[in-house]
Protein backbone atom coordinates (compact mmCIF):
# COMPACT_ATOMS: atom_id res chain seq x y z
CA MET A 1 33.67 -1.74 -8.72
CA THR A 2 30.50 -0.80 -11.11
CA PRO A 3 28.29 -4.07 -11.30
CA ASP A 4 26.38 -5.03 -14.64
CA TYR A 5 23.03 -4.81 -13.89
CA VAL A 6 21.20 -2.54 -10.71
CA ILE A 7 17.93 -3.58 -9.44
CA VAL A 8 15.56 -1.72 -7.49
CA GLY A 9 13.41 -3.70 -5.27
CA ALA A 10 13.97 -6.65 -3.03
CA GLY A 11 11.19 -8.56 -3.20
CA SER A 12 9.23 -11.17 -4.97
CA ALA A 13 10.75 -10.87 -8.70
CA GLY A 14 13.63 -8.82 -7.87
CA CYS A 15 15.02 -11.29 -5.42
CA ALA A 16 14.79 -14.76 -7.79
CA LEU A 17 16.00 -12.17 -10.85
CA ALA A 18 19.16 -11.11 -8.72
CA TYR A 19 19.54 -14.85 -7.87
CA ARG A 20 19.98 -16.03 -10.97
CA LEU A 21 22.10 -13.17 -12.50
CA VAL A 22 24.82 -13.71 -9.76
CA MET A 23 24.61 -17.41 -10.14
CA ALA A 24 25.52 -16.70 -13.64
CA GLY A 25 28.22 -14.86 -12.77
CA LYS A 26 27.36 -11.04 -12.52
CA ARG A 27 27.42 -8.65 -10.46
CA VAL A 28 24.57 -6.86 -9.36
CA ASP A 29 23.40 -4.14 -7.00
CA LEU A 30 20.20 -4.82 -5.11
CA ILE A 31 18.51 -1.43 -4.26
CA GLU A 32 15.87 -1.70 -1.44
CA TYR A 33 14.23 1.25 1.02
CA GLY A 34 12.91 -1.23 3.92
CA GLY A 35 15.37 -3.19 6.41
CA SER A 36 15.93 -6.46 7.84
CA ASP A 37 13.12 -9.00 7.74
CA ILE A 38 14.83 -11.15 10.35
CA GLY A 39 11.88 -11.48 13.21
CA PRO A 40 9.23 -13.83 14.67
CA PHE A 41 6.66 -11.39 13.14
CA ILE A 42 7.90 -11.79 9.54
CA GLN A 43 9.27 -15.33 10.12
CA MET A 44 6.27 -17.16 12.27
CA PRO A 45 3.81 -18.16 9.58
CA ALA A 46 1.02 -17.48 12.10
CA ALA A 47 1.89 -14.18 12.68
CA LEU A 48 0.64 -13.17 9.28
CA SER A 49 -1.35 -10.29 10.04
CA TYR A 50 1.20 -8.17 12.27
CA PRO A 51 4.03 -7.35 9.27
CA MET A 52 1.33 -6.09 6.88
CA ASN A 53 -0.20 -3.69 9.36
CA MET A 54 3.26 -2.42 10.76
CA ARG A 55 5.35 0.64 9.84
CA ARG A 56 8.39 -0.88 10.06
CA TYR A 57 7.37 -3.44 6.84
CA ASP A 58 5.02 -1.61 5.38
CA TRP A 59 4.32 1.21 2.74
CA GLY A 60 1.08 2.06 4.07
CA PHE A 61 -0.44 2.58 0.82
CA SER A 62 -4.26 3.22 0.44
CA SER A 63 -6.69 3.79 -2.67
CA GLU A 64 -8.60 7.38 -3.00
CA PRO A 65 -12.12 7.14 -1.92
CA GLU A 66 -13.61 4.50 -3.94
CA PRO A 67 -16.95 5.95 -5.72
CA HIS A 68 -18.41 2.44 -6.37
CA LEU A 69 -17.83 1.46 -2.59
CA GLY A 70 -19.72 4.12 -0.84
CA GLY A 71 -16.43 6.06 -0.68
CA ARG A 72 -14.50 4.35 1.13
CA ARG A 73 -10.60 4.07 1.07
CA LEU A 74 -9.46 0.62 0.70
CA VAL A 75 -5.47 -0.09 2.16
CA THR A 76 -2.82 -1.01 -0.12
CA PRO A 77 -0.11 -3.16 1.24
CA ARG A 78 2.84 -3.69 -0.08
CA GLY A 79 6.23 -4.84 1.27
CA LYS A 80 8.91 -2.28 2.74
CA VAL A 81 11.58 -5.03 3.77
CA LEU A 82 13.80 -7.57 2.28
CA GLY A 83 11.69 -9.70 0.58
CA GLY A 84 9.25 -7.18 -0.20
CA SER A 85 5.44 -8.51 -0.22
CA SER A 86 6.40 -12.37 0.40
CA SER A 87 7.94 -11.39 3.67
CA ILE A 88 4.43 -9.84 4.43
CA ASN A 89 1.96 -12.05 2.78
CA GLY A 90 -0.29 -14.80 3.72
CA MET A 91 2.17 -17.19 2.02
CA VAL A 92 -0.73 -18.53 0.30
CA PHE A 93 0.71 -20.18 -3.31
CA VAL A 94 -1.18 -20.30 -6.43
CA ARG A 95 0.43 -20.09 -10.05
CA GLY A 96 -2.79 -19.47 -11.72
CA HIS A 97 -4.83 -21.00 -14.39
CA ALA A 98 -2.85 -21.85 -17.46
CA LYS A 99 -5.76 -20.11 -19.56
CA ASP A 100 -4.12 -16.86 -17.68
CA PHE A 101 -1.24 -17.29 -19.42
CA ASP A 102 -2.16 -18.67 -22.79
CA PHE A 103 -4.66 -14.93 -22.67
CA TRP A 104 -1.34 -13.16 -22.08
CA ALA A 105 0.62 -14.85 -25.13
CA GLU A 106 -2.83 -13.81 -27.07
CA SER A 107 -2.77 -10.28 -25.82
CA GLY A 108 0.67 -9.76 -27.19
CA ALA A 109 2.88 -11.18 -24.63
CA ASP A 110 4.69 -13.52 -27.12
CA GLY A 111 6.42 -16.44 -25.19
CA TRP A 112 4.82 -16.27 -22.32
CA ALA A 113 1.96 -18.51 -22.83
CA TYR A 114 1.47 -21.85 -20.17
CA ALA A 115 3.80 -23.68 -22.13
CA ASP A 116 6.49 -21.21 -21.87
CA VAL A 117 5.77 -20.41 -18.37
CA LEU A 118 5.39 -23.79 -16.78
CA PRO A 119 9.34 -24.33 -17.00
CA TYR A 120 10.20 -21.26 -14.94
CA PHE A 121 7.67 -22.43 -12.12
CA LYS A 122 9.16 -25.95 -11.99
CA ARG A 123 12.55 -24.66 -11.73
CA MET A 124 11.78 -22.19 -8.96
CA GLU A 125 10.26 -24.93 -6.71
CA THR A 126 10.53 -27.97 -4.21
CA SER A 127 7.36 -29.07 -4.26
CA HIS A 128 6.89 -31.19 -1.20
CA GLY A 129 3.15 -32.28 -1.52
CA ALA A 130 1.81 -33.10 -5.57
CA VAL A 131 4.40 -34.60 -7.48
CA SER A 132 3.49 -34.70 -11.09
CA ASP A 133 5.28 -34.05 -14.76
CA TYR A 134 3.96 -30.16 -13.61
CA ARG A 135 6.01 -29.37 -10.39
CA GLY A 136 9.04 -28.65 -9.44
CA THR A 137 11.53 -31.07 -7.18
CA GLU A 138 15.33 -28.78 -6.76
CA GLY A 139 13.89 -25.21 -6.95
CA PRO A 140 14.88 -22.42 -4.04
CA LEU A 141 11.34 -21.96 -3.18
CA HIS A 142 9.92 -24.70 -0.59
CA VAL A 143 6.21 -25.28 -1.56
CA THR A 144 4.25 -27.14 1.49
CA ARG A 145 1.00 -28.53 2.81
CA GLY A 146 -0.69 -27.66 6.14
CA SER A 147 -1.48 -30.72 8.23
CA ARG A 148 -5.20 -30.20 8.44
CA LYS A 149 -5.41 -31.08 11.77
CA ASN A 150 -8.74 -29.25 12.38
CA PRO A 151 -11.68 -30.83 10.92
CA LEU A 152 -13.31 -27.91 9.50
CA PHE A 153 -10.34 -27.77 7.17
CA ASN A 154 -11.75 -31.44 5.47
CA ALA A 155 -15.49 -30.53 5.94
CA PHE A 156 -14.80 -27.65 3.96
CA ILE A 157 -13.53 -30.24 1.24
CA ARG A 158 -16.35 -32.34 1.52
CA ALA A 159 -18.96 -29.50 1.46
CA GLY A 160 -17.68 -28.71 -1.65
CA ARG A 161 -18.06 -32.22 -3.59
CA GLU A 162 -21.42 -32.71 -1.88
CA ALA A 163 -22.23 -29.60 -3.46
CA GLY A 164 -21.15 -31.29 -6.70
CA TYR A 165 -17.63 -29.77 -7.18
CA PRO A 166 -14.55 -32.15 -7.92
CA THR A 167 -12.32 -32.83 -5.36
CA VAL A 168 -8.74 -31.64 -6.59
CA GLU A 169 -5.38 -33.45 -6.22
CA ASP A 170 -3.31 -30.71 -6.77
CA TYR A 171 -4.73 -26.96 -8.35
CA ASN A 172 -1.44 -26.10 -9.50
CA GLY A 173 -0.60 -28.85 -11.77
CA ALA A 174 -3.06 -30.44 -14.48
CA ARG A 175 -6.67 -29.08 -13.00
CA GLN A 176 -7.41 -25.65 -10.74
CA GLU A 177 -10.83 -26.58 -10.89
CA GLY A 178 -12.47 -27.73 -7.23
CA PHE A 179 -11.77 -28.26 -3.97
CA GLY A 180 -8.59 -29.58 -1.79
CA ALA A 181 -5.69 -28.65 0.32
CA MET A 182 -3.73 -25.29 -0.11
CA GLU A 183 -0.33 -24.72 -0.52
CA ALA A 184 2.13 -22.24 1.48
CA THR A 185 5.29 -21.28 0.55
CA ILE A 186 6.67 -22.26 4.72
CA TRP A 187 9.38 -24.31 5.37
CA GLU A 188 10.21 -26.24 8.15
CA GLY A 189 7.97 -24.26 9.99
CA ARG A 190 9.42 -20.71 8.92
CA ARG A 191 7.95 -18.43 6.07
CA TRP A 192 9.63 -19.40 3.11
CA SER A 193 10.00 -15.82 1.53
CA ALA A 194 11.82 -14.53 -1.20
CA ALA A 195 14.60 -13.38 1.10
CA ASN A 196 15.48 -16.84 2.57
CA ALA A 197 14.52 -18.86 -1.09
CA TYR A 198 17.12 -16.69 -2.83
CA LEU A 199 18.31 -13.25 -1.72
CA ARG A 200 20.51 -15.16 1.22
CA PRO A 201 21.96 -17.34 -1.20
CA ALA A 202 22.67 -14.90 -3.59
CA GLN A 203 24.40 -12.60 -0.79
CA GLU A 204 26.84 -16.07 -0.41
CA THR A 205 28.43 -15.47 -4.02
CA GLY A 206 29.57 -12.61 -3.29
CA LEU A 207 28.84 -11.13 -6.02
CA LEU A 208 25.30 -9.65 -4.53
CA ARG A 209 25.77 -5.80 -3.19
CA LEU A 210 22.52 -4.41 -1.03
CA ARG A 211 22.15 -0.95 -0.99
CA ARG A 212 19.70 0.73 0.76
CA GLY A 213 18.03 4.29 0.20
CA LEU A 214 14.65 5.57 -1.49
CA ALA A 215 14.85 5.02 -5.28
CA GLN A 216 14.43 8.82 -6.82
CA ARG A 217 14.49 8.44 -10.47
CA VAL A 218 16.32 6.25 -13.36
CA VAL A 219 19.32 8.44 -14.76
CA PHE A 220 19.42 8.78 -18.56
CA GLU A 221 22.74 9.43 -20.64
CA ASP A 222 21.47 9.85 -24.80
CA GLY A 223 18.59 7.91 -24.20
CA ARG A 224 20.11 5.06 -22.24
CA ALA A 225 19.40 3.90 -18.68
CA VAL A 226 22.35 3.63 -16.58
CA GLY A 227 21.91 4.18 -13.09
CA VAL A 228 19.09 4.69 -10.44
CA GLU A 229 19.16 7.88 -8.56
CA ILE A 230 19.07 7.20 -4.39
CA LYS A 231 18.63 9.27 -1.64
CA ASN A 232 19.80 7.67 1.83
CA THR A 233 21.45 8.58 5.08
CA ARG A 234 24.59 9.38 2.71
CA GLY A 235 22.68 12.18 0.78
CA ILE A 236 21.85 11.39 -3.04
CA ASN A 237 24.04 9.28 -4.95
CA VAL A 238 23.60 7.42 -8.25
CA PHE A 239 24.49 3.93 -8.31
CA ARG A 240 25.45 3.10 -11.69
CA ALA A 241 24.99 -0.02 -13.72
CA ASN A 242 27.24 -1.29 -16.50
CA VAL A 243 24.66 -3.20 -18.91
CA GLU A 244 21.03 -2.19 -17.56
CA VAL A 245 18.50 -1.27 -14.83
CA ILE A 246 15.98 -3.31 -13.75
CA LEU A 247 12.82 -1.69 -12.02
CA SER A 248 11.38 -4.49 -9.75
CA ALA A 249 9.71 -2.49 -6.92
CA SER A 250 5.93 -3.75 -7.27
CA SER A 251 2.98 -2.81 -9.35
CA ILE A 252 2.88 0.93 -7.53
CA ASN A 253 6.20 1.84 -6.60
CA THR A 254 7.23 0.80 -10.39
CA PRO A 255 5.19 2.86 -12.39
CA LYS A 256 5.54 5.80 -9.79
CA LEU A 257 9.78 5.52 -10.79
CA LEU A 258 8.78 5.20 -14.50
CA MET A 259 6.93 8.45 -14.32
CA LEU A 260 9.26 10.01 -12.10
CA SER A 261 12.14 9.14 -14.56
CA GLY A 262 10.43 10.71 -17.41
CA ILE A 263 8.39 7.63 -18.84
CA GLY A 264 4.66 7.60 -19.15
CA PRO A 265 1.92 9.69 -20.04
CA ALA A 266 3.18 12.83 -21.60
CA ALA A 267 0.39 15.36 -20.03
CA HIS A 268 0.53 14.01 -16.85
CA LEU A 269 4.58 14.50 -16.32
CA ARG A 270 4.13 17.86 -17.60
CA GLU A 271 1.56 18.90 -14.81
CA HIS A 272 4.09 17.62 -12.44
CA GLY A 273 6.97 19.70 -13.89
CA ILE A 274 8.97 16.37 -15.34
CA GLU A 275 10.67 16.54 -18.79
CA VAL A 276 9.22 13.72 -20.94
CA LEU A 277 11.58 11.04 -21.94
CA ALA A 278 9.29 8.58 -23.35
CA ASP A 279 5.47 9.11 -23.75
CA ARG A 280 4.29 5.76 -22.88
CA PRO A 281 0.27 6.71 -21.65
CA GLY A 282 0.15 2.95 -20.37
CA VAL A 283 2.26 3.50 -17.74
CA GLY A 284 0.19 3.29 -14.23
CA GLY A 285 -2.89 1.87 -16.31
CA ASN A 286 -4.81 -0.83 -16.43
CA LEU A 287 -4.34 -1.15 -12.25
CA GLN A 288 -6.13 -4.64 -11.21
CA ASP A 289 -6.97 -6.31 -8.23
CA HIS A 290 -8.54 -9.12 -6.27
CA LEU A 291 -12.03 -7.69 -4.35
CA GLU A 292 -13.79 -10.09 -1.34
CA ILE A 293 -15.61 -10.75 1.07
CA TYR A 294 -15.57 -12.57 4.44
CA MET A 295 -18.54 -15.04 4.56
CA GLN A 296 -18.84 -15.64 8.22
CA TYR A 297 -20.55 -18.40 10.15
CA THR A 298 -20.59 -19.05 13.95
CA ALA A 299 -19.62 -23.01 15.37
CA THR A 300 -21.57 -25.03 17.05
CA LYS A 301 -18.11 -26.97 18.50
CA PRO A 302 -15.35 -24.94 20.29
CA ILE A 303 -12.78 -25.92 17.44
CA THR A 304 -11.95 -23.30 15.86
CA LEU A 305 -8.68 -20.84 16.36
CA TYR A 306 -11.33 -18.94 19.05
CA LYS A 307 -9.92 -20.33 22.13
CA HIS A 308 -6.58 -19.13 21.16
CA TRP A 309 -7.25 -15.96 20.58
CA ASN A 310 -6.24 -14.51 23.74
CA LEU A 311 -3.03 -13.44 25.52
CA TRP A 312 -2.46 -16.78 26.88
CA GLY A 313 -2.95 -18.57 23.89
CA LYS A 314 -1.18 -16.56 21.55
CA GLY A 315 1.47 -16.57 24.16
CA SER A 316 1.57 -20.36 24.22
CA ILE A 317 1.54 -20.56 20.51
CA GLY A 318 4.72 -18.36 20.08
CA ALA A 319 6.69 -19.62 22.77
CA GLN A 320 6.36 -23.14 21.08
CA TRP A 321 7.22 -22.10 17.71
CA LEU A 322 10.16 -19.95 18.89
CA ALA A 323 11.34 -23.13 20.93
CA THR A 324 10.40 -26.48 18.24
CA GLY A 325 9.38 -24.28 14.67
CA THR A 326 6.14 -26.43 15.29
CA GLY A 327 2.74 -26.39 16.21
CA LEU A 328 -0.30 -23.76 15.13
CA GLY A 329 2.41 -21.12 14.56
CA ALA A 330 3.94 -22.91 12.09
CA SER A 331 0.42 -22.76 9.80
CA ASN A 332 -0.74 -19.55 8.15
CA GLN A 333 -4.29 -21.28 8.82
CA PHE A 334 -5.15 -21.54 5.37
CA GLU A 335 -5.08 -24.89 4.58
CA SER A 336 -7.98 -25.48 2.69
CA CYS A 337 -9.19 -23.95 -0.94
CA GLY A 338 -11.10 -24.10 -3.71
CA PHE A 339 -11.50 -22.58 -7.20
CA ILE A 340 -15.22 -22.81 -9.14
CA ARG A 341 -16.91 -21.43 -11.98
CA SER A 342 -19.58 -18.90 -11.44
CA ALA A 343 -21.70 -20.19 -13.68
CA ALA A 344 -22.23 -22.47 -17.24
CA GLY A 345 -20.19 -21.02 -20.15
CA VAL A 346 -17.58 -19.51 -18.14
CA GLU A 347 -14.37 -21.91 -19.62
CA TYR A 348 -12.27 -22.22 -16.43
CA PRO A 349 -12.53 -21.16 -12.39
CA ASP A 350 -13.17 -17.12 -11.67
CA ILE A 351 -13.71 -17.48 -8.21
CA GLN A 352 -11.22 -18.51 -5.23
CA TYR A 353 -11.84 -19.28 -1.52
CA HIS A 354 -9.64 -19.60 1.32
CA PHE A 355 -10.99 -21.09 4.16
CA LEU A 356 -10.55 -20.34 7.81
CA PRO A 357 -11.22 -21.70 10.98
CA LEU A 358 -11.53 -18.52 12.94
CA ALA A 359 -14.22 -15.40 11.97
CA VAL A 360 -12.39 -12.38 11.84
CA ARG A 361 -13.36 -8.55 11.26
CA GLU A 362 -12.43 -7.06 8.51
CA GLN A 363 -9.58 -4.82 8.19
CA LEU A 364 -9.89 -1.20 8.74
CA PRO A 365 -8.55 1.72 6.47
CA ALA A 366 -5.94 4.44 7.35
CA LEU A 367 -3.84 7.13 5.31
CA ASN A 368 -0.56 7.28 4.59
CA GLU A 369 0.59 10.71 2.75
CA THR A 370 4.45 10.48 2.44
CA LEU A 371 6.85 7.36 2.32
CA ASP A 372 8.78 9.61 5.20
CA PRO A 373 9.40 6.61 7.83
CA GLU A 374 8.79 9.53 10.38
CA ASN A 375 5.60 10.24 9.23
CA SER A 376 4.20 7.27 7.23
CA ILE A 377 1.07 6.12 8.40
CA VAL A 378 -0.17 2.37 8.11
CA THR A 379 -2.92 0.37 8.35
CA HIS A 380 -4.34 -0.71 12.03
CA ASP A 381 -4.45 -4.57 13.38
CA ALA A 382 -8.20 -3.56 14.31
CA GLY A 383 -8.72 -5.90 11.52
CA LYS A 384 -7.67 -9.09 13.22
CA ALA A 385 -10.20 -9.02 16.41
CA ALA A 386 -12.75 -11.87 16.55
CA ALA A 387 -15.98 -11.48 15.30
CA GLU A 388 -18.39 -13.38 17.45
CA GLY A 389 -16.70 -16.38 19.64
CA HIS A 390 -16.37 -19.44 18.19
CA GLY A 391 -16.73 -19.11 13.97
CA PHE A 392 -14.89 -19.80 10.64
CA GLN A 393 -15.24 -17.96 7.48
CA VAL A 394 -14.44 -18.29 3.96
CA HIS A 395 -12.57 -15.10 1.30
CA VAL A 396 -14.37 -15.35 -1.68
CA GLY A 397 -14.43 -13.02 -4.34
CA PRO A 398 -14.20 -13.35 -8.26
CA MET A 399 -10.82 -13.85 -10.14
CA ARG A 400 -11.38 -11.90 -13.19
CA SER A 401 -12.72 -8.11 -12.78
CA LYS A 402 -12.87 -5.91 -15.69
CA SER A 403 -12.88 -3.22 -13.78
CA ARG A 404 -9.64 -1.03 -14.28
CA GLY A 405 -7.58 1.46 -12.22
CA THR A 406 -4.78 4.15 -12.67
CA VAL A 407 -1.80 4.74 -10.19
CA ARG A 408 -0.60 8.37 -10.56
CA LEU A 409 1.96 10.69 -9.65
CA LYS A 410 0.50 13.60 -6.25
CA SER A 411 3.69 15.32 -7.15
CA ALA A 412 7.38 15.07 -8.65
CA ASP A 413 8.87 14.24 -4.77
CA PRO A 414 9.72 11.05 -4.36
CA ARG A 415 8.82 11.06 -0.52
CA GLU A 416 5.16 11.19 -1.32
CA ALA A 417 2.93 8.09 -2.04
CA PRO A 418 1.21 8.02 -5.15
CA GLU A 419 -2.57 8.35 -6.38
CA ILE A 420 -3.78 5.21 -6.53
CA ARG A 421 -7.33 4.41 -7.86
CA PHE A 422 -8.83 1.07 -8.34
CA ASN A 423 -11.88 1.71 -9.71
CA TYR A 424 -13.17 -1.29 -8.12
CA MET A 425 -16.86 -2.45 -9.19
CA SER A 426 -17.14 -0.06 -12.03
CA HIS A 427 -18.41 -2.75 -14.09
CA ALA A 428 -21.70 -4.24 -14.01
CA ASP A 429 -20.27 -7.93 -14.19
CA ASP A 430 -18.58 -7.62 -11.30
CA TRP A 431 -21.66 -7.02 -9.06
CA ALA A 432 -23.13 -9.53 -11.36
CA GLU A 433 -20.01 -12.09 -10.06
CA PHE A 434 -20.40 -11.38 -6.45
CA ARG A 435 -23.62 -12.19 -6.25
CA ALA A 436 -23.34 -15.47 -7.65
CA CYS A 437 -20.26 -15.79 -4.72
CA VAL A 438 -22.32 -14.96 -2.15
CA ARG A 439 -25.03 -17.63 -3.23
CA LEU A 440 -22.80 -20.55 -4.34
CA THR A 441 -20.98 -20.20 -0.75
CA ARG A 442 -24.34 -20.23 0.68
CA GLU A 443 -25.23 -23.77 -0.90
CA ILE A 444 -21.67 -24.71 -0.28
CA PHE A 445 -22.09 -24.57 3.50
CA ALA A 446 -25.26 -25.59 3.47
CA GLN A 447 -24.11 -29.22 2.86
CA SER A 448 -24.26 -31.97 5.05
CA ALA A 449 -20.60 -32.25 5.98
CA PHE A 450 -21.26 -28.48 7.88
CA SER A 451 -23.81 -30.22 9.59
CA ASP A 452 -22.16 -30.98 13.39
CA PHE A 453 -20.74 -27.54 13.42
CA LYS A 454 -22.21 -24.87 11.79
CA GLY A 455 -24.28 -22.62 13.51
CA HIS A 456 -26.08 -19.02 12.14
CA GLU A 457 -24.44 -16.92 9.77
CA ILE A 458 -22.84 -14.09 10.92
CA GLN A 459 -22.46 -12.18 7.89
CA PRO A 460 -23.74 -11.22 5.18
CA GLY A 461 -26.47 -12.47 7.28
CA ASP A 462 -29.48 -14.62 7.35
CA GLY A 463 -31.99 -11.55 5.95
CA VAL A 464 -29.19 -10.75 2.65
CA THR A 465 -31.00 -11.89 0.59
CA THR A 466 -31.82 -9.77 -2.42
CA ASP A 467 -30.02 -8.23 -5.14
CA SER A 468 -29.91 -5.06 -3.70
CA GLN A 469 -29.42 -6.32 -0.34
CA ILE A 470 -25.99 -8.22 -1.33
CA ASP A 471 -25.05 -5.14 -3.35
CA ASP A 472 -25.58 -2.99 -0.14
CA PHE A 473 -23.47 -5.72 1.80
CA ILE A 474 -20.19 -5.55 -0.67
CA ARG A 475 -20.50 -1.72 -1.13
CA GLU A 476 -19.56 -1.87 2.86
CA HIS A 477 -17.41 -4.76 3.13
CA ALA A 478 -15.63 -5.88 0.22
CA GLU A 479 -11.76 -5.93 0.69
CA SER A 480 -8.81 -5.80 -1.44
CA ALA A 481 -7.06 -9.64 -1.49
CA PHE A 482 -3.73 -7.00 -1.71
CA HIS A 483 -3.16 -8.61 -5.36
CA PRO A 484 -2.51 -5.41 -7.47
CA CYS A 485 -1.02 -5.76 -10.85
CA GLY A 486 -0.50 -4.54 -14.61
CA THR A 487 0.45 -0.93 -14.26
CA ALA A 488 3.49 -1.53 -16.87
CA ARG A 489 2.01 -4.17 -18.96
CA MET A 490 3.56 -6.07 -21.17
CA GLY A 491 3.01 -6.36 -24.89
CA ARG A 492 3.95 -5.97 -28.54
CA ALA A 493 5.91 -2.20 -29.01
CA SER A 494 3.71 -1.43 -31.50
CA ASP A 495 1.05 -1.38 -29.08
CA PRO A 496 0.73 2.21 -27.51
CA LEU A 497 -0.73 1.03 -24.29
CA ALA A 498 2.10 -1.46 -23.73
CA VAL A 499 5.19 -0.33 -21.45
CA VAL A 500 7.38 -3.12 -21.81
CA ASP A 501 7.94 -5.61 -24.39
CA PRO A 502 7.87 -9.53 -24.32
CA GLU A 503 11.63 -9.57 -23.35
CA LEU A 504 10.24 -6.64 -20.62
CA ARG A 505 12.64 -3.91 -22.04
CA VAL A 506 10.57 -0.61 -21.35
CA ILE A 507 9.59 0.33 -24.75
CA GLY A 508 10.89 3.90 -25.93
CA VAL A 509 14.10 3.68 -23.62
CA GLU A 510 17.56 1.89 -23.56
CA GLY A 511 18.53 -0.31 -21.12
CA LEU A 512 15.78 -0.59 -18.88
CA ARG A 513 13.52 -3.56 -17.81
CA VAL A 514 10.65 -3.88 -15.82
CA ALA A 515 10.17 -7.48 -13.80
CA ASP A 516 7.43 -7.58 -11.18
CA SER A 517 3.82 -7.83 -10.88
CA SER A 518 3.14 -4.77 -13.09
CA ILE A 519 3.60 -6.50 -15.98
CA PHE A 520 0.96 -8.78 -16.31
CA PRO A 521 -1.28 -8.14 -19.09
CA ARG A 522 -3.89 -9.17 -16.60
CA VAL A 523 -4.21 -10.66 -13.24
CA THR A 524 -4.15 -14.30 -12.67
CA ASN A 525 -6.13 -16.81 -11.16
CA GLY A 526 -5.39 -16.70 -7.53
CA ASN A 527 -2.59 -15.08 -5.04
CA LEU A 528 0.32 -13.17 -7.28
CA ASN A 529 3.28 -14.15 -5.39
CA ALA A 530 3.92 -17.34 -7.31
CA PRO A 531 3.63 -15.47 -11.04
CA SER A 532 5.67 -12.36 -9.65
CA ILE A 533 8.55 -14.88 -8.65
CA MET A 534 8.02 -16.84 -12.30
CA THR A 535 8.85 -13.23 -13.44
CA GLY A 536 11.63 -12.90 -11.84
CA GLU A 537 12.98 -16.34 -13.15
CA LYS A 538 12.21 -15.90 -16.45
CA ALA A 539 13.31 -12.12 -16.90
CA ALA A 540 16.70 -13.28 -15.81
CA ASP A 541 16.58 -15.82 -18.91
CA HIS A 542 15.69 -12.84 -21.51
CA ILE A 543 18.45 -10.18 -19.65
CA LEU A 544 21.14 -12.94 -19.71
CA GLY A 545 20.50 -13.49 -23.50
CA LYS A 546 21.61 -17.13 -23.20
CA GLY A 547 18.15 -18.66 -24.27
CA MET A 548 14.68 -19.50 -22.69
CA LEU A 549 14.09 -22.83 -21.02
CA ALA A 550 11.99 -25.31 -23.70
CA PRO A 551 8.31 -25.14 -23.54
CA LEU A 552 6.50 -27.65 -21.98
CA ASN A 553 3.32 -28.63 -23.76
CA LEU A 554 0.80 -30.36 -20.86
CA GLY A 555 -1.77 -28.32 -21.03
CA PRO A 556 -4.84 -28.31 -18.60
CA GLU A 557 -7.22 -30.58 -17.94
CA MET A 558 -10.66 -29.17 -18.36
CA PRO A 559 -14.24 -30.39 -18.29
CA ASP A 560 -15.58 -31.39 -21.40
CA ASP A 561 -19.42 -29.81 -19.85
CA TRP A 562 -17.84 -26.50 -18.84
CA ARG A 563 -20.39 -24.78 -21.83
CA GLU A 564 -23.51 -26.59 -20.46
CA SER A 565 -22.74 -26.62 -16.63
CA GLN A 566 -21.50 -24.73 -13.48
CA ARG A 567 -20.30 -27.63 -12.03
CA SER A 568 -18.85 -30.85 -13.03
CA ALA A 569 -18.00 -33.47 -10.32
């Protein structure tokens, strides 16, 4: 039986979208290239570094040499598994700042202001931490907080307060700015991915068919999308849809699939011998990401995770988790965080902190030229070794980089990975904001809250103080936070660089929509899993045409003195 809808990609947005469509009585075919998410490497929260570095679960993308980062290629993990990137990410749950979504609306994404998206954030979650009018209590996605038993987590929060920043009870609620507990998509000791939250309940309805294979192109008849061409073990087939096709294949694979289907910059498509169906120069443009550095310190007390960083320790943690679902294995170890502003006059936070009670070396890049599972190469786990014995670190970086990049085809072969150019650090403001990250972070760790715990600075190192020295460190050590987005930007139909309209319809064709992080006009303030799931939730109501949830006019709490002061307690 031909389904009503065909969705490409069983990731964060795709699973949420499929769930809402089948719950409305619609038949859906969900296409996914990756395999099962069952297994401890995905389901155990503490094992988060493994699936991101396994060929089985990751597409294995990497950037082209980045000219402003010394020609380094940076890894770009994307989930190739049920649940997509929600099955390989760090499980951190950040909605983004209210002002992010107001910016979207001001940029042409009508109906996507904070008041419009807040009802969908509430609908999708069951919050087990904060309780307020901002939070949901009946959604499929469980959101929890860690125990913060390690004293370093609370020391980090106290240090922020001692440095003059507020303590925030719920950064996903009325106010984001400040230091506090970090939230995670973890439930009963397991990774609560989009597959666990949405896909499995959707499958129970009998209205969802999971289709396996590599999506090669969208099939059109008379300018209307009617299906998707798939290659799998049975050969090449077309899975047709009675109503619409929706791409939820990620900010890397969605623009690639659009271009393979004849939608994109006309000259680029012709270079690869692809017939132009719709000349949309914005496809693959506007690529954004968060870049971060690890600032690390030795610990003067043996209280970090380093004592477990051996075969016996890891084995014990895994055994306890397998037997009981509890212990260190039940946490992603990102249990405290911070959001601050880099300077006076910055309206809302533009720096994010993830605190980790372990100092680990950075990730190393690896290359991948094809999507053939026999030949693909992904990142190595070399980035997960302890740096110098007992230590701790924060991941810190600017949230609203002005640098923009592109995703382009290398060829018309669907198996070939696309050309990814982030163009990191191409804007001068990025360097100034990163220097502020380093100096403000040092000030935080200089507070008395860390006097009993902190030894010397591992990196950047006490000798790295001048602008040029800090810049050299950033150039050599900055890494992606793995938050790519923006490559099929949402905007008004009259905008020549917009790819989808505010109802997520691809401009220039019929019967085709996009619902994933590629539609973001600008990257949000924090990790992207939450806004990606929200996009799938909201897309469902646009597709069903039954009307949107009523806006919630709960504005954010903002400091009165943000124009004059860099921090407000």
